């Protein structure tokens, strides 16, 4: 992850070991090549929980049953 701090935060990142970090996952090494080549994805840094200035692919809400 690379983060540029300033008036507007900008960030780039990639998950070389998959989002779960579980080496048993079939997706574990999916982005290792991308990471080793320095090809990072632009990350959306939300200013608050309702910030929709960029596309949000999904919204996960967790709570007690």
PDB file of N, CA and C in Angstrom:
ATOM      1  N   UNK A   1       0.844  -1.168   0.000  1.00  0.00           N
ATOM      2  CA  UNK A   1       0.000   0.000   0.000  1.00  0.00           C
ATOM      3  C   UNK A   1       0.892   1.234   0.000  1.00  0.00           C
ATOM      4  N   UNK A   2       0.523   2.197  -0.808  1.00  0.00           N
ATOM      5  CA  UNK A   2       1.206   3.488  -0.865  1.00  0.00           C
ATOM      6  C   UNK A   2       0.155   4.551  -0.583  1.00  0.00           C
ATOM      7  N   UNK A   3       0.443   5.453   0.346  1.00  0.00           N
ATOM      8  CA  UNK A   3      -0.510   6.503   0.707  1.00  0.00           C
ATOM      9  C   UNK A   3       0.183   7.859   0.604  1.00  0.00           C
ATOM     10  N   UNK A   4      -0.474   8.774  -0.095  1.00  0.00           N
ATOM     11  CA  UNK A   4       0.004  10.155  -0.209  1.00  0.00           C
ATOM     12  C   UNK A   4      -0.879  11.016   0.691  1.00  0.00           C
ATOM     13  N   UNK A   5      -0.283  11.557   1.748  1.00  0.00           N
ATOM     14  CA  UNK A   5      -1.037  12.382   2.686  1.00  0.00           C
ATOM     15  C   UNK A   5      -0.983  13.835   2.233  1.00  0.00           C
ATOM     16  N   UNK A   6      -2.063  14.540   2.425  1.00  0.00           N
ATOM     17  CA  UNK A   6      -2.155  15.938   2.056  1.00  0.00           C
ATOM     18  C   UNK A   6      -3.581  16.409   2.262  1.00  0.00           C
ATOM     19  N   UNK A   7      -3.945  17.504   1.610  1.00  0.00           N
ATOM     20  CA  UNK A   7      -5.319  18.002   1.722  1.00  0.00           C
ATOM     21  C   UNK A   7      -6.315  16.944   1.269  1.00  0.00           C
ATOM     22  N   UNK A   8      -5.949  16.203   0.218  1.00  0.00           N
ATOM     23  CA  UNK A   8      -6.781  15.096  -0.253  1.00  0.00           C
ATOM     24  C   UNK A   8      -5.922  13.839  -0.220  1.00  0.00           C
ATOM     25  N   UNK A   9      -6.327  12.839   0.559  1.00  0.00           N
ATOM     26  CA  UNK A   9      -5.564  11.601   0.682  1.00  0.00           C
ATOM     27  C   UNK A   9      -5.735  10.777  -0.592  1.00  0.00           C
ATOM     28  N   UNK A  10      -4.614  10.274  -1.105  1.00  0.00           N
ATOM     29  CA  UNK A  10      -4.628   9.395  -2.268  1.00  0.00           C
ATOM     30  C   UNK A  10      -3.916   8.114  -1.862  1.00  0.00           C
ATOM     31  N   UNK A  11      -4.432   6.965  -2.319  1.00  0.00           N
ATOM     32  CA  UNK A  11      -3.820   5.695  -1.928  1.00  0.00           C
ATOM     33  C   UNK A  11      -3.903   4.677  -3.064  1.00  0.00           C
ATOM     34  N   UNK A  12      -2.897   3.793  -3.098  1.00  0.00           N
ATOM     35  CA  UNK A  12      -2.826   2.714  -4.068  1.00  0.00           C
ATOM     36  C   UNK A  12      -2.423   1.453  -3.330  1.00  0.00           C
ATOM     37  N   UNK A  13      -2.924   0.307  -3.756  1.00  0.00           N
ATOM     38  CA  UNK A  13      -2.574  -0.923  -3.057  1.00  0.00           C
ATOM     39  C   UNK A  13      -2.894  -2.164  -3.857  1.00  0.00           C
ATOM     40  N   UNK A  14      -2.409  -3.286  -3.370  1.00  0.00           N
ATOM     41  CA  UNK A  14      -2.689  -4.591  -3.953  1.00  0.00           C
ATOM     42  C   UNK A  14      -2.526  -5.623  -2.830  1.00  0.00           C
ATOM     43  N   UNK A  15      -3.312  -6.695  -2.884  1.00  0.00           N
ATOM     44  CA  UNK A  15      -3.245  -7.761  -1.885  1.00  0.00           C
ATOM     45  C   UNK A  15      -2.452  -8.937  -2.465  1.00  0.00           C
ATOM     46  N   UNK A  16      -1.109  -8.994  -2.285  1.00  0.00           N
ATOM     47  CA  UNK A  16      -0.345 -10.081  -2.896  1.00  0.00           C
ATOM     48  C   UNK A  16      -0.683 -11.456  -2.325  1.00  0.00           C
ATOM     49  N   UNK A  17      -1.191 -11.523  -1.114  1.00  0.00           N
ATOM     50  CA  UNK A  17      -1.561 -12.803  -0.500  1.00  0.00           C
ATOM     51  C   UNK A  17      -3.063 -12.984  -0.406  1.00  0.00           C
ATOM     52  N   UNK A  18      -3.812 -12.310  -1.268  1.00  0.00           N
ATOM     53  CA  UNK A  18      -5.269 -12.377  -1.220  1.00  0.00           C
ATOM     54  C   UNK A  18      -5.820 -11.576  -0.052  1.00  0.00           C
ATOM     55  N   UNK A  19      -7.085 -11.204  -0.114  1.00  0.00           N
ATOM     56  CA  UNK A  19      -7.688 -10.391   0.946  1.00  0.00           C
ATOM     57  C   UNK A  19      -7.728 -11.122   2.271  1.00  0.00           C
ATOM     58  N   UNK A  20      -7.903 -12.431   2.240  1.00  0.00           N
ATOM     59  CA  UNK A  20      -8.000 -13.185   3.499  1.00  0.00           C
ATOM     60  C   UNK A  20      -6.626 -13.415   4.121  1.00  0.00           C
ATOM     61  N   UNK A  21      -5.583 -13.445   3.303  1.00  0.00           N
ATOM     62  CA  UNK A  21      -4.244 -13.754   3.809  1.00  0.00           C
ATOM     63  C   UNK A  21      -4.078 -15.222   4.166  1.00  0.00           C
ATOM     64  N   UNK A  22      -5.048 -16.039   3.798  1.00  0.00           N
ATOM     65  CA  UNK A  22      -5.031 -17.474   4.110  1.00  0.00           C
ATOM     66  C   UNK A  22      -4.251 -18.228   3.038  1.00  0.00           C
ATOM     67  N   UNK A  23      -3.072 -18.798   3.370  1.00  0.00           N
ATOM     68  CA  UNK A  23      -2.286 -19.505   2.369  1.00  0.00           C
ATOM     69  C   UNK A  23      -2.979 -20.747   1.805  1.00  0.00           C
ATOM     70  N   UNK A  24      -4.029 -21.208   2.446  1.00  0.00           N
ATOM     71  CA  UNK A  24      -4.786 -22.351   1.949  1.00  0.00           C
ATOM     72  C   UNK A  24      -5.828 -21.966   0.903  1.00  0.00           C
ATOM     73  N   UNK A  25      -6.048 -20.680   0.713  1.00  0.00           N
ATOM     74  CA  UNK A  25      -7.047 -20.208  -0.243  1.00  0.00           C
ATOM     75  C   UNK A  25      -6.546 -20.374  -1.678  1.00  0.00           C
ATOM     76  N   UNK A  26      -7.436 -20.767  -2.575  1.00  0.00           N
ATOM     77  CA  UNK A  26      -7.047 -20.899  -3.984  1.00  0.00           C
ATOM     78  C   UNK A  26      -6.754 -19.526  -4.604  1.00  0.00           C
ATOM     79  N   UNK A  27      -7.145 -18.448  -3.941  1.00  0.00           N
ATOM     80  CA  UNK A  27      -6.914 -17.092  -4.441  1.00  0.00           C
ATOM     81  C   UNK A  27      -5.659 -16.449  -3.836  1.00  0.00           C
ATOM     82  N   UNK A  28      -4.941 -17.183  -2.978  1.00  0.00           N
ATOM     83  CA  UNK A  28      -3.826 -16.621  -2.210  1.00  0.00           C
ATOM     84  C   UNK A  28      -2.779 -15.934  -3.083  1.00  0.00           C
ATOM     85  N   UNK A  29      -2.380 -16.567  -4.186  1.00  0.00           N
ATOM     86  CA  UNK A  29      -1.314 -16.005  -5.017  1.00  0.00           C
ATOM     87  C   UNK A  29      -1.826 -15.291  -6.268  1.00  0.00           C
ATOM     88  N   UNK A  30      -3.102 -14.984  -6.275  1.00  0.00           N
ATOM     89  CA  UNK A  30      -3.755 -14.391  -7.446  1.00  0.00           C
ATOM     90  C   UNK A  30      -3.118 -13.065  -7.891  1.00  0.00           C
ATOM     91  N   UNK A  31      -2.632 -12.238  -6.958  1.00  0.00           N
ATOM     92  CA  UNK A  31      -2.122 -10.921  -7.315  1.00  0.00           C
ATOM     93  C   UNK A  31      -0.625 -10.753  -7.046  1.00  0.00           C
ATOM     94  N   UNK A  32       0.096 -11.862  -6.858  1.00  0.00           N
ATOM     95  CA  UNK A  32       1.529 -11.776  -6.587  1.00  0.00           C
ATOM     96  C   UNK A  32       2.269 -11.158  -7.770  1.00  0.00           C
ATOM     97  N   UNK A  33       1.940 -11.557  -8.986  1.00  0.00           N
ATOM     98  CA  UNK A  33       2.606 -10.995 -10.172  1.00  0.00           C
ATOM     99  C   UNK A  33       2.351  -9.498 -10.275  1.00  0.00           C
ATOM    100  N   UNK A  34       1.120  -9.092 -10.072  1.00  0.00           N
ATOM    101  CA  UNK A  34       0.762  -7.665 -10.119  1.00  0.00           C
ATOM    102  C   UNK A  34       1.562  -6.893  -9.073  1.00  0.00           C
ATOM    103  N   UNK A  35       1.658  -7.433  -7.866  1.00  0.00           N
ATOM    104  CA  UNK A  35       2.404  -6.792  -6.784  1.00  0.00           C
ATOM    105  C   UNK A  35       3.894  -6.701  -7.122  1.00  0.00           C
ATOM    106  N   UNK A  36       4.482  -7.804  -7.624  1.00  0.00           N
ATOM    107  CA  UNK A  36       5.920  -7.822  -7.910  1.00  0.00           C
ATOM    108  C   UNK A  36       6.295  -6.885  -9.056  1.00  0.00           C
ATOM    109  N   UNK A  37       5.338  -6.591  -9.933  1.00  0.00           N
ATOM    110  CA  UNK A  37       5.572  -5.662 -11.042  1.00  0.00           C
ATOM    111  C   UNK A  37       5.280  -4.214 -10.641  1.00  0.00           C
ATOM    112  N   UNK A  38       4.854  -4.003  -9.390  1.00  0.00           N
ATOM    113  CA  UNK A  38       4.567  -2.650  -8.911  1.00  0.00           C
ATOM    114  C   UNK A  38       3.311  -2.045  -9.507  1.00  0.00           C
ATOM    115  N   UNK A  39       2.379  -2.888  -9.917  1.00  0.00           N
ATOM    116  CA  UNK A  39       1.117  -2.423 -10.512  1.00  0.00           C
ATOM    117  C   UNK A  39       0.040  -2.377  -9.429  1.00  0.00           C
ATOM    118  N   UNK A  40      -0.082  -1.233  -8.811  1.00  0.00           N
ATOM    119  CA  UNK A  40      -1.028  -1.056  -7.714  1.00  0.00           C
ATOM    120  C   UNK A  40      -2.365  -0.505  -8.211  1.00  0.00           C
ATOM    121  N   UNK A  41      -3.430  -0.816  -7.493  1.00  0.00           N
ATOM    122  CA  UNK A  41      -4.772  -0.316  -7.809  1.00  0.00           C
ATOM    123  C   UNK A  41      -5.034   0.961  -7.020  1.00  0.00           C
ATOM    124  N   UNK A  42      -5.720   1.892  -7.645  1.00  0.00           N
ATOM    125  CA  UNK A  42      -6.129   3.115  -6.946  1.00  0.00           C
ATOM    126  C   UNK A  42      -7.187   2.737  -5.914  1.00  0.00           C
ATOM    127  N   UNK A  43      -7.041   3.224  -4.693  1.00  0.00           N
ATOM    128  CA  UNK A  43      -7.979   2.903  -3.613  1.00  0.00           C
ATOM    129  C   UNK A  43      -8.866   4.104  -3.308  1.00  0.00           C
ATOM    130  N   UNK A  44     -10.107   3.845  -3.006  1.00  0.00           N
ATOM    131  CA  UNK A  44     -11.077   4.893  -2.666  1.00  0.00           C
ATOM    132  C   UNK A  44     -10.990   5.152  -1.175  1.00  0.00           C
ATOM    133  N   UNK A  45     -10.569   6.351  -0.800  1.00  0.00           N
ATOM    134  CA  UNK A  45     -10.475   6.760   0.596  1.00  0.00           C
ATOM    135  C   UNK A  45     -11.717   7.571   0.933  1.00  0.00           C
ATOM    136  N   UNK A  46     -12.669   6.951   1.643  1.00  0.00           N
ATOM    137  CA  UNK A  46     -13.930   7.618   1.978  1.00  0.00           C
ATOM    138  C   UNK A  46     -13.701   8.681   3.047  1.00  0.00           C
ATOM    139  N   UNK A  47     -14.290   9.842   2.848  1.00  0.00           N
ATOM    140  CA  UNK A  47     -14.165  10.939   3.807  1.00  0.00           C
ATOM    141  C   UNK A  47     -15.085  10.751   5.013  1.00  0.00           C
ATOM    142  N   UNK A  48     -16.169   9.994   4.812  1.00  0.00           N
ATOM    143  CA  UNK A  48     -17.096   9.640   5.889  1.00  0.00           C
ATOM    144  C   UNK A  48     -17.899   8.431   5.426  1.00  0.00           C
ATOM    145  N   UNK A  49     -18.722   7.860   6.304  1.00  0.00           N
ATOM    146  CA  UNK A  49     -19.440   6.616   5.981  1.00  0.00           C
ATOM    147  C   UNK A  49     -20.466   6.773   4.861  1.00  0.00           C
ATOM    148  N   UNK A  50     -20.884   7.986   4.560  1.00  0.00           N
ATOM    149  CA  UNK A  50     -21.875   8.222   3.516  1.00  0.00           C
ATOM    150  C   UNK A  50     -21.263   8.724   2.214  1.00  0.00           C
ATOM    151  N   UNK A  51     -19.939   8.818   2.138  1.00  0.00           N
ATOM    152  CA  UNK A  51     -19.240   9.327   0.953  1.00  0.00           C
ATOM    153  C   UNK A  51     -19.453   8.389  -0.229  1.00  0.00           C
ATOM    154  N   UNK A  52     -20.105   8.869  -1.251  1.00  0.00           N
ATOM    155  CA  UNK A  52     -20.338   8.090  -2.473  1.00  0.00           C
ATOM    156  C   UNK A  52     -19.795   8.854  -3.684  1.00  0.00           C
ATOM    157  N   UNK A  53     -18.694   9.599  -3.490  1.00  0.00           N
ATOM    158  CA  UNK A  53     -18.117  10.389  -4.574  1.00  0.00           C
ATOM    159  C   UNK A  53     -17.471   9.505  -5.632  1.00  0.00           C
ATOM    160  N   UNK A  54     -17.228   8.229  -5.306  1.00  0.00           N
ATOM    161  CA  UNK A  54     -16.748   7.246  -6.267  1.00  0.00           C
ATOM    162  C   UNK A  54     -17.648   6.024  -6.155  1.00  0.00           C
ATOM    163  N   UNK A  55     -17.577   5.156  -7.144  1.00  0.00           N
ATOM    164  CA  UNK A  55     -18.413   3.961  -7.147  1.00  0.00           C
ATOM    165  C   UNK A  55     -18.045   3.034  -5.988  1.00  0.00           C
ATOM    166  N   UNK A  56     -19.042   2.585  -5.255  1.00  0.00           N
ATOM    167  CA  UNK A  56     -18.867   1.606  -4.182  1.00  0.00           C
ATOM    168  C   UNK A  56     -19.472   0.302  -4.697  1.00  0.00           C
ATOM    169  N   UNK A  57     -18.650  -0.755  -4.764  1.00  0.00           N
ATOM    170  CA  UNK A  57     -19.104  -2.017  -5.338  1.00  0.00           C
ATOM    171  C   UNK A  57     -20.075  -2.769  -4.439  1.00  0.00           C
ATOM    172  N   UNK A  58     -19.840  -2.734  -3.122  1.00  0.00           N
ATOM    173  CA  UNK A  58     -20.794  -3.334  -2.194  1.00  0.00           C
ATOM    174  C   UNK A  58     -20.614  -2.707  -0.826  1.00  0.00           C
ATOM    175  N   UNK A  59     -21.613  -2.843  -0.006  1.00  0.00           N
ATOM    176  CA  UNK A  59     -21.622  -2.264   1.332  1.00  0.00           C
ATOM    177  C   UNK A  59     -22.002  -3.383   2.293  1.00  0.00           C
ATOM    178  N   UNK A  60     -21.105  -3.728   3.192  1.00  0.00           N
ATOM    179  CA  UNK A  60     -21.340  -4.817   4.130  1.00  0.00           C
ATOM    180  C   UNK A  60     -21.573  -4.251   5.515  1.00  0.00           C
ATOM    181  N   UNK A  61     -22.714  -4.582   6.104  1.00  0.00           N
ATOM    182  CA  UNK A  61     -23.027  -4.133   7.455  1.00  0.00           C
ATOM    183  C   UNK A  61     -23.072  -5.367   8.355  1.00  0.00           C
ATOM    184  N   UNK A  62     -22.348  -5.294   9.442  1.00  0.00           N
ATOM    185  CA  UNK A  62     -22.325  -6.414  10.364  1.00  0.00           C
ATOM    186  C   UNK A  62     -23.043  -6.023  11.653  1.00  0.00           C
ATOM    187  N   UNK A  63     -23.674  -6.988  12.257  1.00  0.00           N
ATOM    188  CA  UNK A  63     -24.383  -6.723  13.494  1.00  0.00           C
ATOM    189  C   UNK A  63     -24.673  -8.016  14.218  1.00  0.00           C
ATOM    190  N   UNK A  64     -25.190  -7.876  15.404  1.00  0.00           N
ATOM    191  CA  UNK A  64     -25.545  -9.062  16.199  1.00  0.00           C
ATOM    192  C   UNK A  64     -26.914  -9.550  15.771  1.00  0.00           C
ATOM    193  N   UNK A  65     -27.099 -10.857  15.869  1.00  0.00           N
ATOM    194  CA  UNK A  65     -28.404 -11.461  15.554  1.00  0.00           C
ATOM    195  C   UNK A  65     -29.311 -11.355  16.737  1.00  0.00           C
TER     196      UNK A  65
END
